[in-house]
Amino acid sequence: MVFNIQNWPKPVLTSLATLIGLTVIYSALWFVIGLQMKNSISNWVTKQSAQGWKAEYKKIDLAGFPWRWRFKVKKPILSPASGDIQFHWAGPYIQFEIRPWDIKNIKFQTDGEHKLTYTKPKVISPITLDMEVGHGQLKLNKNGKLTHFSFAMENALAKNTSAEQYRVKRLNWRLSLNKPIAPKEKPHQVSTFDLKAELLGLTLPNSFKSGLGPTINRIALSANFRGNARGNTLKQAFSGWASSGGSFDLENFEIHWSKLFAKANGTFALDSTLQPIAVLSGTITGYNLALRAMVDAGLIKPNLAIVARFALRGMSNFFGSRKGDKITLSLTIQHGYLHLGPVKIIKLPKIIWN
């Protein structure tokens, strides 16, 4: 059978020509915009040297036609260009994905072995993080500023210089930035960012003995940072933040480890000497079973467990409340000490901001 286009109705030919023309135009625009975005990544890497950072990569591949732009940055490296304290990160790749109808919503993913190195004079602390999969999301507002950053990692293995291994079944965290300012709020009351994080299945090294088992079931954190910390150095930034009344609100912290469950909330700030001050309250459930497990594991002696049990009960009666195997306690940090109620417990190390 032979198709003779000349015999086709004119409306059909017009529609076909229009479709072909739009396809050609869309294809051309896809490649032009994709190349511009690719150049933007390259330009960002170049500009980091002016910001005191060193960023490198081996190659950027462009794919994803026709419904997305996919940029695969191979062998990226990021580290400070100078300074006594150095942080170095190198990974196998990072892949970014952008859809034409939602360009301010950027998804990214990675996997494999990532090398993290923290270096200060005479001390080098390398960590190797090998993850099965890692993926996240960046959201931008209409002005192109970052408003949301999230990341999830699954089945990861971390190793340090001592060959100690930490396994993580799953880690989720989300950071929300640049929240709108309500007209009646004062600057120190403005929420700068929210942080939510959850870690599931953290398996500790064999050398870590606790009696509660090698795996922490769950750690969860929800916090809010209020006020602005701005300055050329970390000390300047937090000095201004502290003097203006900034605070870090710990809305919720939970840890579930075998038979032990603890939960806390409170507020952190810095005093005039830039040392932490805090008011916290929390509950501990399952401490009886946890102490018994430590005795069974040979970590503490039975008579010490009895003393600890009575001490916890006594402190909860004086400085909190107790109901069954659950106690409620209040903690404060002030003048460099951790207090349980009015009693000084331990002296905390001083923070050196320089």
Foldseek 3Di string as FASTA:
>chain_A
DDDDPVPDDPVVVVVVVVVVVVVVVLVVVQVVVLVVVVVVVVVVQVCVVVVQKHKDFDDWDWDDPDFKTKIKTAFIKIWGPDDQKIKIKTFGIKMWIAGPVARQKIKIKGFAKMWIWIGHVPDIKIKIKGFPMKMWIWGADPVRDTFKIKMKTAFMWMAIPVRWIKTFGMKIKMKGADDDDDPPDDQQADWGMKMKMKTAWIFGGPVDDQLLHRTWGMKIWIKTWGHWQDDPANVNRQLVSQVSPIKIWGQKIWTHGRQKIKMKTWIWGADNVRWIKIKMKMKIARLLVSLVSCCVVVNDPPVVSVVVVVVQQVLQVVANHDDVRMGMWIWIADPQFIDTRPHTDDGHDGDDRD
